[in-house]
Amino acid sequence: MTTPVTPDSAIEPEDEQPLTMFGPDFPFAYDDYLAHPAGLGSVPDAALGTRVAVVGGGLAGMVVARELLRLGLEPVVYESDRIGGRMRSVPFEGHPGVVAEMGAMRFPPSSTALFHYLDSVGLETTPFPNPLAEATPSTVIDLKGTSHYARKLEDLPPIFAEVAEAWNRTLEEHAELIPLQRAIRRRDAAEIKRIWNELIVKFDDQTFYGFLAASEHFSSFRMRELFGQVGFGTGGWDTDYPNSILEILRVVITAADDHHRGIVGGSQQLPMRLWTDTPADLAYWPAGTSVSSVNGGTTMPRVTEIRRTGGGTTIHDDRGNIRTYAAAVVTAQSWMLLSNIRCDDDLFPIDHWTAIERTHYMGSTKVFALVDRPFWKDKDPVTGRDLVSMTLTDRMSRGTYLLDQGEGKPGLICLSYTWSDDSLKLLALDPTERMNIMLRSLEEIYPGVDFRSHIISTPVTLSWETERDFMGAFKANLPGHYRYQERLFTHFVQDELEPRHRGIFLAGDDISWTAGWAEGAIHTALNAVWGVVHHLGGISAPDNPGPGDVFDTIAPLRLGD
């Protein structure tokens, strides 16, 4: 449920700058860094053309590869399946232009580094129909067999506004929401660090549920239950209740869960275009060079082994190729280094291996159906309401999204978007079985609506926890995991590491502080690019310092024992 996290009255006139994903753990202005005309730095002439391995062709891998190319290095991309990672847009046969977003599908404007890349490759966005969002014609909240129809929050019974107000008050009174957001708007890194570091110490051991239960505004179990089912922004968050409250606070204070936009034509276009894009400001390479062209138009195959050989990193793939690189960036989910990829123990210090091992992933399942037209926009002849609405429910479907593809085109329904335990309930079922369960739920909520007669294609579905190269949707730290995340995120600064641990860099969604958001993956990709440049003897532009150059002044808090 979209609810405000800062009342308008709390915003001072001088605080009208937008909220962005600036920190809070590492408040570095990645958007300004990217936009600076001096670029991201340079490498010595002797290093130009040096091959650097990039393991994983998702968004982080493509950002790493593109920026290394611009700097005059040769990124060699390894990908086990397809370019895109969890930006996976699945087409429907015979219906060009219509895609089901099986992973990332909605992006907040506060993701300013992400929008830098969207703009650079010419992609457009459109408002995403979250519950009660301005772009959503209507929303139905169906709980315990009772449905409530609404166009805005005020249309719902008062208890829902009370839950929204309880969340606001809890954030303001127990998590320093207003001063923290004010500091983020002003990009006051020192103030952000002062406030956020105190919250880390206070809440590192606290679950999301424990945080709510400790608030006087959520003393009622019914309030906590309703909030878990309806939540804020994108819907219910009860499957996040066991996770660290710090994970949730990072989302709400940076407006990551509000005003979402979808990418016209599908999110997978972004990594694909970064693969084929020909940047205008290349060092070393001739005009017209792309990441694709230096890779011969195709990626290297699945990585099977990574090991140390002298001062380099040697990578084996499943076609028997063995190559050694001066540096490597691993953007695949880090669990791959424990299972699918054989690794030397010396790739990382033991504490980093422990952090990788303790990473906790959320499961997630989506089920999509293609329909002949957006029939949900028809009006019920008795009530005058939309025939079907964006739906939040405690039934098995949980979240149902209606995606209008435009005039004269088929309609697309995300029948179900479920997480963790709810996702596991579907794991053993095939696509048709999953669809039938969701349709039964929706037929109870909308009696008399013949959903099945409109379906024109086999349903598509995906559970990320069963994907060989993912094993989960994204990282979500448990209480007490802050120390692990700090080790993984800061790994790109390697001067204090022993030489045998240098030259291989971690990046990607689960290395970021804000897993589940593309912006966080981009931040870690840019960190890794800085790390590679530094490792090869390069420097940042004097008037555009990189994340490693200012690291000591804004480094994430390092907790003691």
Protein backbone atom coordinates (compact mmCIF):
# COMPACT_ATOMS: atom_id res chain seq x y z
CA MET A 1 0.00 0.00 0.00
CA THR A 2 1.49 3.31 -1.01
CA THR A 3 1.63 5.50 2.06
CA PRO A 4 3.64 8.65 2.72
CA VAL A 5 6.70 8.11 4.89
CA THR A 6 7.17 11.82 5.58
CA PRO A 7 4.22 14.15 6.10
CA ASP A 8 4.41 17.23 3.88
CA SER A 9 4.50 19.43 6.97
CA ALA A 10 7.85 17.88 7.93
CA ILE A 11 9.58 19.15 4.78
CA GLU A 12 11.24 22.53 5.23
CA PRO A 13 11.40 24.87 2.21
CA GLU A 14 15.15 24.38 1.99
CA ASP A 15 14.66 20.61 1.95
CA GLU A 16 12.86 20.48 -1.39
CA GLN A 17 15.72 18.57 -3.01
CA PRO A 18 14.52 15.08 -3.98
CA LEU A 19 15.15 12.03 -1.88
CA THR A 20 17.72 9.80 -3.55
CA MET A 21 19.46 6.56 -2.70
CA PHE A 22 22.36 8.52 -1.24
CA GLY A 23 23.72 6.27 1.48
CA PRO A 24 23.00 5.88 4.30
CA ASP A 25 25.78 3.36 4.98
CA PHE A 26 28.15 4.84 2.40
CA PRO A 27 26.90 8.30 1.34
CA PHE A 28 28.80 8.67 -1.92
CA ALA A 29 27.22 10.63 -4.79
CA TYR A 30 27.40 7.97 -7.50
CA ASP A 31 25.09 9.99 -9.75
CA ASP A 32 27.35 13.05 -9.64
CA TYR A 33 30.38 10.79 -10.12
CA LEU A 34 28.86 9.35 -13.30
CA ALA A 35 27.75 12.70 -14.68
CA HIS A 36 31.08 14.47 -14.16
CA PRO A 37 32.67 15.49 -17.49
CA ALA A 38 36.13 14.35 -16.30
CA GLY A 39 34.96 10.72 -16.28
CA LEU A 40 35.85 7.90 -13.91
CA GLY A 41 39.61 8.16 -14.19
CA SER A 42 42.41 6.63 -16.25
CA VAL A 43 44.91 3.77 -16.28
CA PRO A 44 48.61 3.98 -17.22
CA ASP A 45 49.38 3.67 -20.93
CA ALA A 46 51.04 0.32 -20.26
CA ALA A 47 47.75 -1.00 -18.86
CA LEU A 48 45.59 0.04 -21.83
CA GLY A 49 44.02 -3.00 -23.48
CA THR A 50 44.50 -5.17 -20.38
CA ARG A 51 41.99 -7.98 -20.19
CA VAL A 52 39.76 -7.99 -17.10
CA ALA A 53 37.35 -10.87 -16.42
CA VAL A 54 33.75 -9.96 -15.63
CA VAL A 55 31.87 -12.95 -14.22
CA GLY A 56 28.13 -12.51 -14.68
CA GLY A 57 26.17 -10.66 -17.35
CA GLY A 58 23.50 -9.03 -15.20
CA LEU A 59 23.15 -5.30 -14.67
CA ALA A 60 26.21 -5.05 -12.41
CA GLY A 61 28.34 -7.03 -14.85
CA MET A 62 27.26 -4.91 -17.80
CA VAL A 63 27.93 -1.66 -15.93
CA VAL A 64 31.38 -2.94 -14.95
CA ALA A 65 32.13 -4.04 -18.52
CA ARG A 66 30.94 -0.80 -20.11
CA GLU A 67 32.91 1.41 -17.73
CA LEU A 68 36.08 -0.69 -18.05
CA LEU A 69 35.73 -0.42 -21.83
CA ARG A 70 35.45 3.37 -21.62
CA LEU A 71 38.64 3.43 -19.56
CA GLY A 72 40.57 1.55 -22.25
CA LEU A 73 40.53 -1.93 -20.74
CA GLU A 74 39.20 -5.11 -22.36
CA PRO A 75 36.32 -6.61 -20.36
CA VAL A 76 35.86 -10.34 -21.01
CA VAL A 77 32.34 -11.25 -19.96
CA TYR A 78 31.40 -14.72 -18.70
CA GLU A 79 27.71 -15.61 -18.60
CA SER A 80 26.20 -19.01 -17.93
CA ASP A 81 22.78 -18.35 -19.42
CA ARG A 82 21.71 -15.00 -20.89
CA ILE A 83 22.61 -11.35 -20.49
CA GLY A 84 20.31 -9.67 -17.99
CA GLY A 85 20.57 -11.57 -14.72
CA ARG A 86 17.48 -10.81 -12.67
CA MET A 87 16.48 -8.21 -15.23
CA ARG A 88 14.74 -10.99 -17.13
CA SER A 89 11.97 -10.04 -19.56
CA VAL A 90 10.24 -13.11 -20.99
CA PRO A 91 8.38 -12.64 -24.29
CA PHE A 92 5.15 -14.37 -25.31
CA GLU A 93 5.37 -16.23 -28.59
CA GLY A 94 3.34 -14.55 -31.30
CA HIS A 95 2.92 -11.34 -29.30
CA PRO A 96 5.94 -9.13 -29.99
CA GLY A 97 6.56 -6.30 -27.55
CA VAL A 98 4.75 -7.94 -24.62
CA VAL A 99 7.05 -9.26 -21.90
CA ALA A 100 6.64 -10.71 -18.44
CA GLU A 101 9.11 -9.19 -15.98
CA MET A 102 10.24 -12.25 -14.05
CA GLY A 103 12.70 -10.30 -11.92
CA ALA A 104 13.10 -6.55 -11.65
CA MET A 105 9.99 -4.74 -12.87
CA ARG A 106 9.65 -1.45 -10.97
CA PHE A 107 12.21 1.24 -10.22
CA PRO A 108 12.02 4.29 -7.96
CA PRO A 109 13.08 7.72 -9.27
CA SER A 110 15.40 7.91 -6.26
CA SER A 111 17.60 5.43 -8.19
CA THR A 112 19.51 8.25 -9.84
CA ALA A 113 22.51 6.21 -11.02
CA LEU A 114 20.12 3.72 -12.63
CA PHE A 115 18.32 6.52 -14.46
CA HIS A 116 21.69 7.84 -15.65
CA TYR A 117 22.18 4.56 -17.53
CA LEU A 118 18.57 4.40 -18.72
CA ASP A 119 18.98 7.85 -20.21
CA SER A 120 22.38 7.05 -21.71
CA VAL A 121 20.97 4.15 -23.75
CA GLY A 122 17.69 5.86 -24.63
CA LEU A 123 15.21 3.81 -22.61
CA GLU A 124 11.90 5.26 -21.46
CA THR A 125 9.93 4.56 -18.30
CA THR A 126 6.26 4.69 -17.39
CA PRO A 127 4.46 4.83 -14.00
CA PHE A 128 4.05 1.39 -12.45
CA PRO A 129 0.60 0.41 -11.05
CA ASN A 130 1.42 -0.30 -7.43
CA PRO A 131 -1.50 -0.53 -4.96
CA LEU A 132 -3.18 2.86 -4.49
CA ALA A 133 -0.56 4.59 -6.66
CA GLU A 134 -1.64 7.48 -8.87
CA ALA A 135 -1.11 5.29 -11.94
CA THR A 136 -3.43 2.59 -10.56
CA PRO A 137 -7.09 3.08 -11.50
CA SER A 138 -8.32 1.13 -8.49
CA THR A 139 -7.13 -1.24 -5.77
CA VAL A 140 -8.93 -4.06 -3.97
CA ILE A 141 -7.70 -5.21 -0.57
CA ASP A 142 -9.17 -8.60 0.25
CA LEU A 143 -8.51 -9.90 3.75
CA LYS A 144 -10.22 -12.69 5.67
CA GLY A 145 -12.90 -13.00 3.02
CA THR A 146 -13.86 -9.32 2.94
CA SER A 147 -12.95 -7.06 0.03
CA HIS A 148 -12.50 -3.29 0.08
CA TYR A 149 -12.47 -1.27 -3.15
CA ALA A 150 -10.48 1.97 -3.25
CA ARG A 151 -8.99 4.57 -5.56
CA LYS A 152 -7.09 6.26 -2.73
CA LEU A 153 -6.27 5.52 0.90
CA GLU A 154 -9.20 7.59 2.16
CA ASP A 155 -11.65 5.21 0.44
CA LEU A 156 -10.64 2.35 2.74
CA PRO A 157 -12.02 1.72 6.23
CA PRO A 158 -10.32 3.91 8.89
CA ILE A 159 -8.20 1.02 10.22
CA PHE A 160 -6.01 1.17 7.10
CA ALA A 161 -5.25 4.86 7.59
CA GLU A 162 -4.51 4.07 11.23
CA VAL A 163 -1.99 1.44 10.16
CA ALA A 164 -0.35 3.91 7.76
CA GLU A 165 -0.20 6.55 10.48
CA ALA A 166 1.24 4.02 12.96
CA TRP A 167 4.03 3.24 10.51
CA ASN A 168 4.79 6.93 9.99
CA ARG A 169 4.86 7.65 13.71
CA THR A 170 7.02 4.60 14.42
CA LEU A 171 9.59 5.67 11.83
CA GLU A 172 9.63 9.25 13.08
CA GLU A 173 9.86 8.46 16.77
CA HIS A 174 12.07 5.36 16.74
CA ALA A 175 14.18 5.62 13.57
CA GLU A 176 14.96 9.36 13.22
CA LEU A 177 13.12 9.42 9.89
CA ILE A 178 12.69 13.17 9.46
CA PRO A 179 16.23 14.32 10.34
CA LEU A 180 17.73 11.44 8.37
CA GLN A 181 15.70 12.20 5.25
CA ARG A 182 16.50 15.89 5.64
CA ALA A 183 20.22 15.06 5.70
CA ILE A 184 19.82 12.84 2.62
CA ARG A 185 18.00 15.59 0.74
CA ARG A 186 20.85 17.98 1.56
CA ARG A 187 23.48 15.31 0.91
CA ASP A 188 25.01 16.08 4.27
CA ALA A 189 27.22 13.00 4.55
CA ALA A 190 28.50 13.81 8.04
CA GLU A 191 24.99 14.18 9.45
CA ILE A 192 23.78 11.04 7.67
CA LYS A 193 26.68 9.09 9.17
CA ARG A 194 26.06 10.49 12.65
CA ILE A 195 22.40 9.48 12.67
CA TRP A 196 22.66 6.21 10.76
CA ASN A 197 25.64 4.86 12.69
CA GLU A 198 23.66 5.28 15.91
CA LEU A 199 20.77 3.35 14.35
CA ILE A 200 23.12 0.54 13.30
CA VAL A 201 24.33 0.09 16.86
CA LYS A 202 20.77 0.28 18.16
CA PHE A 203 19.08 -2.04 15.67
CA ASP A 204 21.63 -4.48 14.24
CA ASP A 205 20.19 -7.30 16.36
CA GLN A 206 16.53 -6.39 15.78
CA THR A 207 14.09 -8.02 13.38
CA PHE A 208 11.57 -6.05 11.37
CA TYR A 209 8.79 -7.65 13.42
CA GLY A 210 10.55 -6.92 16.69
CA PHE A 211 10.91 -3.28 15.69
CA LEU A 212 7.16 -3.05 15.06
CA ALA A 213 6.21 -4.93 18.22
CA ALA A 214 8.39 -2.63 20.34
CA SER A 215 6.51 0.44 19.07
CA GLU A 216 3.56 1.66 21.10
CA HIS A 217 1.85 2.44 17.79
CA PHE A 218 1.83 -1.27 16.91
CA SER A 219 0.93 -2.66 20.33
CA SER A 220 -2.10 -4.33 18.75
CA PHE A 221 -1.43 -7.66 17.04
CA ARG A 222 -4.22 -6.87 14.57
CA MET A 223 -2.33 -3.73 13.51
CA ARG A 224 0.87 -5.74 12.98
CA GLU A 225 -1.03 -8.38 11.04
CA LEU A 226 -2.71 -5.82 8.79
CA PHE A 227 0.58 -4.05 8.17
CA GLY A 228 2.19 -7.35 7.22
CA GLN A 229 -0.58 -8.11 4.75
CA VAL A 230 -0.98 -4.63 3.25
CA GLY A 231 2.28 -2.93 4.16
CA PHE A 232 3.57 0.11 2.35
CA GLY A 233 4.77 0.90 -1.16
CA THR A 234 4.42 -2.39 -3.00
CA GLY A 235 2.20 -4.37 -0.66
CA GLY A 236 2.46 -6.65 2.36
CA TRP A 237 5.83 -7.14 3.99
CA ASP A 238 5.16 -9.94 6.47
CA THR A 239 7.56 -12.25 4.64
CA ASP A 240 10.25 -9.71 5.56
CA TYR A 241 9.37 -9.78 9.24
CA PRO A 242 12.26 -12.12 10.21
CA ASN A 243 14.84 -9.90 8.44
CA SER A 244 16.91 -7.12 9.96
CA ILE A 245 15.02 -3.86 10.43
CA LEU A 246 18.08 -2.10 8.99
CA GLU A 247 17.22 -3.65 5.61
CA ILE A 248 13.77 -2.07 5.75
CA LEU A 249 14.92 1.31 6.99
CA ARG A 250 17.36 1.63 4.08
CA VAL A 251 14.42 1.26 1.72
CA VAL A 252 11.97 3.68 3.30
CA ILE A 253 14.37 6.50 4.14
CA THR A 254 15.60 6.68 0.52
CA ALA A 255 12.10 6.46 -1.04
CA ALA A 256 13.09 3.23 -2.76
CA ASP A 257 9.60 1.81 -2.29
CA ASP A 258 7.58 4.65 -3.74
CA HIS A 259 6.60 6.28 -7.07
CA HIS A 260 7.86 3.30 -9.06
CA ARG A 261 8.29 3.27 -12.82
CA GLY A 262 8.53 0.38 -15.26
CA ILE A 263 10.85 0.26 -18.27
CA VAL A 264 8.96 0.45 -21.54
CA GLY A 265 9.62 -2.75 -23.49
CA GLY A 266 11.13 -4.62 -20.55
CA SER A 267 13.94 -4.17 -18.03
CA GLN A 268 16.27 -6.66 -19.75
CA GLN A 269 16.81 -4.06 -22.45
CA LEU A 270 19.10 -2.10 -20.14
CA PRO A 271 21.83 -4.75 -19.70
CA MET A 272 21.39 -5.77 -23.34
CA ARG A 273 21.92 -2.20 -24.54
CA LEU A 274 24.93 -1.75 -22.26
CA TRP A 275 26.33 -4.84 -24.00
CA THR A 276 25.89 -3.37 -27.48
CA ASP A 277 26.19 0.37 -26.77
CA THR A 278 29.08 2.24 -28.38
CA PRO A 279 30.16 4.97 -25.95
CA ALA A 280 31.39 8.19 -27.53
CA ASP A 281 34.18 8.91 -25.05
CA LEU A 282 36.37 5.82 -25.34
CA ALA A 283 40.00 5.70 -24.30
CA TYR A 284 42.26 3.43 -26.41
CA TRP A 285 39.48 1.77 -28.42
CA PRO A 286 38.39 3.03 -31.86
CA ALA A 287 35.02 4.74 -32.27
CA GLY A 288 32.17 2.27 -32.57
CA THR A 289 33.64 -0.26 -30.13
CA SER A 290 31.20 -1.95 -27.73
CA VAL A 291 31.49 -4.53 -24.99
CA SER A 292 29.90 -6.96 -27.44
CA SER A 293 32.43 -6.26 -30.18
CA VAL A 294 35.49 -6.79 -27.98
CA ASN A 295 33.90 -10.09 -26.92
CA GLY A 296 33.33 -11.19 -30.51
CA GLY A 297 29.58 -10.78 -30.20
CA THR A 298 29.14 -13.52 -27.60
CA THR A 299 30.01 -14.05 -23.95
CA MET A 300 32.38 -16.63 -22.59
CA PRO A 301 30.49 -19.63 -21.15
CA ARG A 302 29.74 -20.76 -17.61
CA VAL A 303 32.60 -20.36 -15.12
CA THR A 304 33.53 -23.61 -13.39
CA GLU A 305 36.67 -22.65 -11.46
CA ILE A 306 38.47 -19.56 -10.19
CA ARG A 307 41.95 -19.86 -8.73
CA ARG A 308 45.12 -17.92 -8.02
CA THR A 309 48.15 -18.24 -10.26
CA GLY A 310 51.02 -16.00 -9.28
CA GLY A 311 49.78 -12.44 -9.38
CA GLY A 312 46.74 -13.16 -11.54
CA THR A 313 43.31 -14.76 -11.44
CA THR A 314 42.79 -17.87 -13.56
CA ILE A 315 39.31 -18.76 -14.76
CA HIS A 316 38.13 -22.08 -16.19
CA ASP A 317 34.85 -22.41 -18.10
CA ASP A 318 32.71 -25.38 -19.00
CA ARG A 319 34.08 -25.56 -22.54
CA GLY A 320 37.58 -26.19 -21.29
CA ASN A 321 38.95 -22.68 -21.79
CA ILE A 322 41.52 -21.52 -19.23
CA ARG A 323 42.49 -17.85 -19.11
CA THR A 324 44.46 -15.78 -16.62
CA TYR A 325 43.64 -12.14 -15.97
CA ALA A 326 45.36 -9.25 -14.22
CA ALA A 327 42.07 -8.51 -12.45
CA ALA A 328 38.58 -10.01 -12.21
CA VAL A 329 35.17 -8.82 -11.05
CA VAL A 330 32.63 -11.39 -9.84
CA THR A 331 29.07 -10.08 -10.10
CA ALA A 332 27.24 -13.40 -9.84
CA GLN A 333 25.38 -14.12 -6.63
CA SER A 334 28.07 -14.92 -4.12
CA TRP A 335 26.60 -18.32 -3.21
CA MET A 336 27.86 -19.50 -6.61
CA LEU A 337 31.37 -19.31 -5.16
CA LEU A 338 30.34 -21.91 -2.58
CA SER A 339 28.65 -24.37 -4.92
CA ASN A 340 28.73 -24.08 -8.71
CA ILE A 341 32.19 -22.53 -9.01
CA ARG A 342 35.26 -24.25 -7.53
CA CYS A 343 37.37 -21.64 -5.79
CA ASP A 344 40.78 -21.40 -4.17
CA ASP A 345 40.52 -20.63 -0.48
CA ASP A 346 42.95 -17.79 -1.05
CA LEU A 347 40.58 -15.83 -3.26
CA PHE A 348 39.26 -14.03 -0.18
CA PRO A 349 40.20 -13.67 3.48
CA ILE A 350 38.46 -16.18 5.74
CA ASP A 351 36.17 -13.53 7.25
CA HIS A 352 34.93 -12.68 3.77
CA TRP A 353 34.23 -16.34 3.07
CA THR A 354 32.22 -16.45 6.29
CA ALA A 355 30.23 -13.42 5.13
CA ILE A 356 29.51 -15.09 1.79
CA GLU A 357 28.42 -18.26 3.52
CA ARG A 358 26.05 -16.38 5.86
CA THR A 359 24.31 -14.44 3.09
CA HIS A 360 20.56 -14.91 3.39
CA TYR A 361 18.42 -14.87 0.23
CA MET A 362 14.70 -14.26 -0.18
CA GLY A 363 12.75 -16.63 -2.38
CA SER A 364 10.29 -15.24 -4.92
CA THR A 365 7.78 -16.55 -7.47
CA LYS A 366 5.81 -14.78 -10.19
CA VAL A 367 3.03 -16.14 -12.38
CA PHE A 368 1.96 -14.22 -15.50
CA ALA A 369 -1.01 -14.70 -17.85
CA LEU A 370 -1.50 -13.02 -21.22
CA VAL A 371 -5.11 -12.03 -21.94
CA ASP A 372 -6.86 -10.89 -25.10
CA ARG A 373 -7.38 -7.32 -23.87
CA PRO A 374 -7.27 -5.29 -20.65
CA PHE A 375 -10.79 -6.43 -19.74
CA TRP A 376 -10.28 -5.32 -16.16
CA LYS A 377 -11.07 -1.79 -17.30
CA ASP A 378 -14.66 -2.80 -18.08
CA LYS A 379 -17.19 -1.49 -15.58
CA ASP A 380 -19.32 -3.70 -13.39
CA PRO A 381 -22.89 -2.97 -14.53
CA VAL A 382 -24.22 -3.12 -10.96
CA THR A 383 -21.57 -1.21 -8.97
CA GLY A 384 -20.01 0.92 -11.70
CA ARG A 385 -16.59 -0.09 -10.42
CA ASP A 386 -13.67 -1.47 -12.43
CA LEU A 387 -14.36 -5.10 -13.19
CA VAL A 388 -10.99 -6.13 -11.67
CA SER A 389 -8.48 -4.06 -9.71
CA MET A 390 -4.89 -4.26 -8.57
CA THR A 391 -5.34 -6.74 -5.73
CA LEU A 392 -3.70 -7.35 -2.37
CA THR A 393 -4.99 -10.38 -0.50
CA ASP A 394 -4.18 -12.95 2.14
CA ARG A 395 -5.22 -15.67 -0.31
CA MET A 396 -2.56 -17.59 -2.23
CA SER A 397 -2.26 -15.02 -5.01
CA ARG A 398 -1.13 -12.32 -2.51
CA GLY A 399 -0.35 -9.59 -5.06
CA THR A 400 -2.00 -9.29 -8.50
CA TYR A 401 -0.91 -6.54 -10.92
CA LEU A 402 -2.75 -5.44 -14.07
CA LEU A 403 -0.40 -4.27 -16.80
CA ASP A 404 -1.96 -2.34 -19.67
CA GLN A 405 0.12 -2.73 -22.83
CA GLY A 406 -1.62 0.06 -24.74
CA GLU A 407 -4.51 0.54 -27.10
CA GLY A 408 -5.28 -2.46 -29.32
CA LYS A 409 -2.78 -4.75 -27.56
CA PRO A 410 -3.28 -7.78 -25.33
CA GLY A 411 -3.37 -7.28 -21.58
CA LEU A 412 -0.90 -8.78 -19.14
CA ILE A 413 -1.71 -9.90 -15.61
CA CYS A 414 0.87 -10.72 -13.00
CA LEU A 415 -1.49 -13.19 -11.32
CA SER A 416 0.75 -13.62 -8.33
CA TYR A 417 3.89 -12.13 -6.83
CA THR A 418 4.85 -14.08 -3.72
CA TRP A 419 7.87 -14.22 -1.43
CA SER A 420 9.74 -16.73 0.73
CA ASP A 421 7.28 -19.06 2.50
CA ASP A 422 4.49 -18.21 0.05
CA SER A 423 6.87 -18.83 -2.82
CA LEU A 424 7.84 -22.22 -1.41
CA LYS A 425 4.17 -23.27 -1.38
CA LEU A 426 4.25 -23.17 -5.17
CA LEU A 427 7.64 -24.69 -5.77
CA ALA A 428 6.54 -28.19 -6.76
CA LEU A 429 3.78 -27.01 -9.13
CA ASP A 430 3.97 -26.52 -12.89
CA PRO A 431 2.89 -23.25 -14.56
CA THR A 432 -0.68 -24.35 -15.25
CA GLU A 433 -1.17 -25.63 -11.70
CA ARG A 434 0.14 -22.36 -10.33
CA MET A 435 -2.16 -20.38 -12.62
CA ASN A 436 -5.20 -22.41 -11.58
CA ILE A 437 -4.54 -21.76 -7.90
CA MET A 438 -4.30 -18.02 -8.53
CA LEU A 439 -7.40 -17.97 -10.69
CA ARG A 440 -9.38 -19.76 -7.98
CA SER A 441 -8.34 -17.06 -5.53
CA LEU A 442 -9.29 -14.27 -7.90
CA GLU A 443 -12.62 -15.90 -8.78
CA GLU A 444 -13.51 -15.81 -5.07
CA ILE A 445 -12.62 -12.12 -4.89
CA TYR A 446 -14.36 -11.23 -8.18
CA PRO A 447 -17.35 -13.62 -8.45
CA GLY A 448 -18.80 -13.77 -11.92
CA VAL A 449 -15.65 -12.56 -13.71
CA ASP A 450 -14.58 -15.15 -16.28
CA PHE A 451 -10.80 -14.75 -16.18
CA ARG A 452 -10.12 -17.99 -18.04
CA SER A 453 -11.99 -17.05 -21.20
CA HIS A 454 -9.60 -14.13 -21.75
CA ILE A 455 -6.32 -16.09 -21.46
CA ILE A 456 -4.62 -16.48 -24.87
CA SER A 457 -1.22 -17.98 -24.05
CA THR A 458 0.39 -20.57 -21.80
CA PRO A 459 1.21 -18.97 -18.43
CA VAL A 460 4.82 -18.20 -17.61
CA THR A 461 6.32 -18.55 -14.16
CA LEU A 462 9.65 -18.49 -12.38
CA SER A 463 10.84 -19.28 -8.85
CA TRP A 464 14.24 -17.71 -8.27
CA GLU A 465 15.20 -20.12 -5.49
CA THR A 466 15.31 -23.00 -7.99
CA GLU A 467 17.38 -21.16 -10.59
CA ARG A 468 20.81 -22.84 -10.76
CA ASP A 469 22.73 -19.58 -10.96
CA PHE A 470 20.72 -17.61 -8.40
CA MET A 471 19.22 -19.82 -5.65
CA GLY A 472 17.10 -16.89 -4.52
CA ALA A 473 15.69 -13.54 -5.54
CA PHE A 474 18.00 -11.28 -3.56
CA LYS A 475 19.93 -10.92 -0.35
CA ALA A 476 18.08 -9.89 2.82
CA ASN A 477 20.24 -9.68 5.93
CA LEU A 478 19.09 -11.30 9.13
CA PRO A 479 19.63 -9.64 12.52
CA GLY A 480 23.32 -9.56 13.41
CA HIS A 481 24.46 -9.68 9.78
CA TYR A 482 25.59 -6.08 9.47
CA ARG A 483 29.24 -7.05 10.01
CA TYR A 484 29.06 -9.55 7.15
CA GLN A 485 27.57 -6.99 4.79
CA GLU A 486 30.19 -4.42 5.74
CA ARG A 487 32.97 -6.85 4.83
CA LEU A 488 31.48 -7.64 1.43
CA PHE A 489 30.63 -4.07 0.48
CA THR A 490 34.04 -2.66 1.46
CA HIS A 491 35.99 -5.45 -0.24
CA PHE A 492 36.76 -3.16 -3.22
CA VAL A 493 39.25 -1.20 -1.07
CA GLN A 494 42.11 -3.72 -0.90
CA ASP A 495 45.21 -1.85 0.25
CA GLU A 496 44.99 -3.47 3.68
CA LEU A 497 44.53 -6.99 2.27
CA GLU A 498 47.43 -9.34 1.81
CA PRO A 499 48.68 -9.34 -1.81
CA ARG A 500 47.38 -12.88 -2.37
CA HIS A 501 43.83 -11.58 -1.77
CA ARG A 502 44.01 -8.62 -4.15
CA GLY A 503 42.85 -8.21 -7.73
CA ILE A 504 39.51 -10.00 -7.56
CA PHE A 505 36.51 -7.82 -6.74
CA LEU A 506 32.96 -8.57 -5.65
CA ALA A 507 30.02 -6.65 -7.07
CA GLY A 508 26.32 -7.10 -7.66
CA ASP A 509 23.04 -7.03 -5.87
CA ASP A 510 23.94 -9.09 -2.81
CA ILE A 511 27.11 -7.08 -2.19
CA SER A 512 25.09 -3.86 -2.01
CA TRP A 513 23.36 -2.40 1.01
CA THR A 514 20.06 -2.23 -0.86
CA ALA A 515 19.61 -5.66 -2.38
CA GLY A 516 16.53 -6.00 -4.53
CA TRP A 517 17.09 -2.56 -6.04
CA ALA A 518 19.06 -2.10 -9.25
CA GLU A 519 20.62 1.06 -7.85
CA GLY A 520 22.54 -0.92 -5.24
CA ALA A 521 23.96 -3.27 -7.87
CA ILE A 522 25.18 -0.25 -9.87
CA HIS A 523 26.87 1.25 -6.81
CA THR A 524 28.87 -1.92 -6.23
CA ALA A 525 29.74 -2.13 -9.93
CA LEU A 526 31.22 1.37 -9.81
CA ASN A 527 33.12 0.47 -6.64
CA ALA A 528 34.61 -2.53 -8.44
CA VAL A 529 35.57 -0.40 -11.45
CA TRP A 530 37.42 1.95 -9.12
CA GLY A 531 39.08 -1.09 -7.51
CA VAL A 532 40.27 -2.47 -10.85
CA VAL A 533 41.66 0.93 -11.93
CA HIS A 534 43.45 1.32 -8.61
CA HIS A 535 44.80 -2.25 -8.80
CA LEU A 536 46.25 -1.59 -12.27
CA GLY A 537 47.97 1.60 -11.13
CA GLY A 538 45.35 4.03 -12.40
CA ILE A 539 43.87 7.11 -10.76
CA SER A 540 40.64 9.05 -10.60
CA ALA A 541 40.31 12.47 -12.18
CA PRO A 542 41.54 15.06 -9.63
CA ASP A 543 38.22 16.91 -9.57
CA ASN A 544 36.09 13.74 -9.60
CA PRO A 545 37.31 11.48 -6.79
CA GLY A 546 35.98 7.94 -6.80
CA PRO A 547 34.44 5.92 -3.97
CA GLY A 548 37.81 4.53 -2.90
CA ASP A 549 39.44 7.96 -2.85
CA VAL A 550 37.02 9.31 -0.24
CA PHE A 551 36.47 5.98 1.47
CA ASP A 552 38.11 6.88 4.78
CA THR A 553 35.81 9.85 5.33
CA ILE A 554 32.48 8.08 4.67
CA ALA A 555 33.29 4.39 5.18
CA PRO A 556 30.53 2.19 6.61
CA LEU A 557 30.66 1.79 10.35
CA ARG A 558 32.87 -1.11 11.43
CA LEU A 559 31.35 -2.78 14.47
CA GLY A 560 33.60 -4.41 17.02
CA ASP A 561 33.17 -7.79 18.64
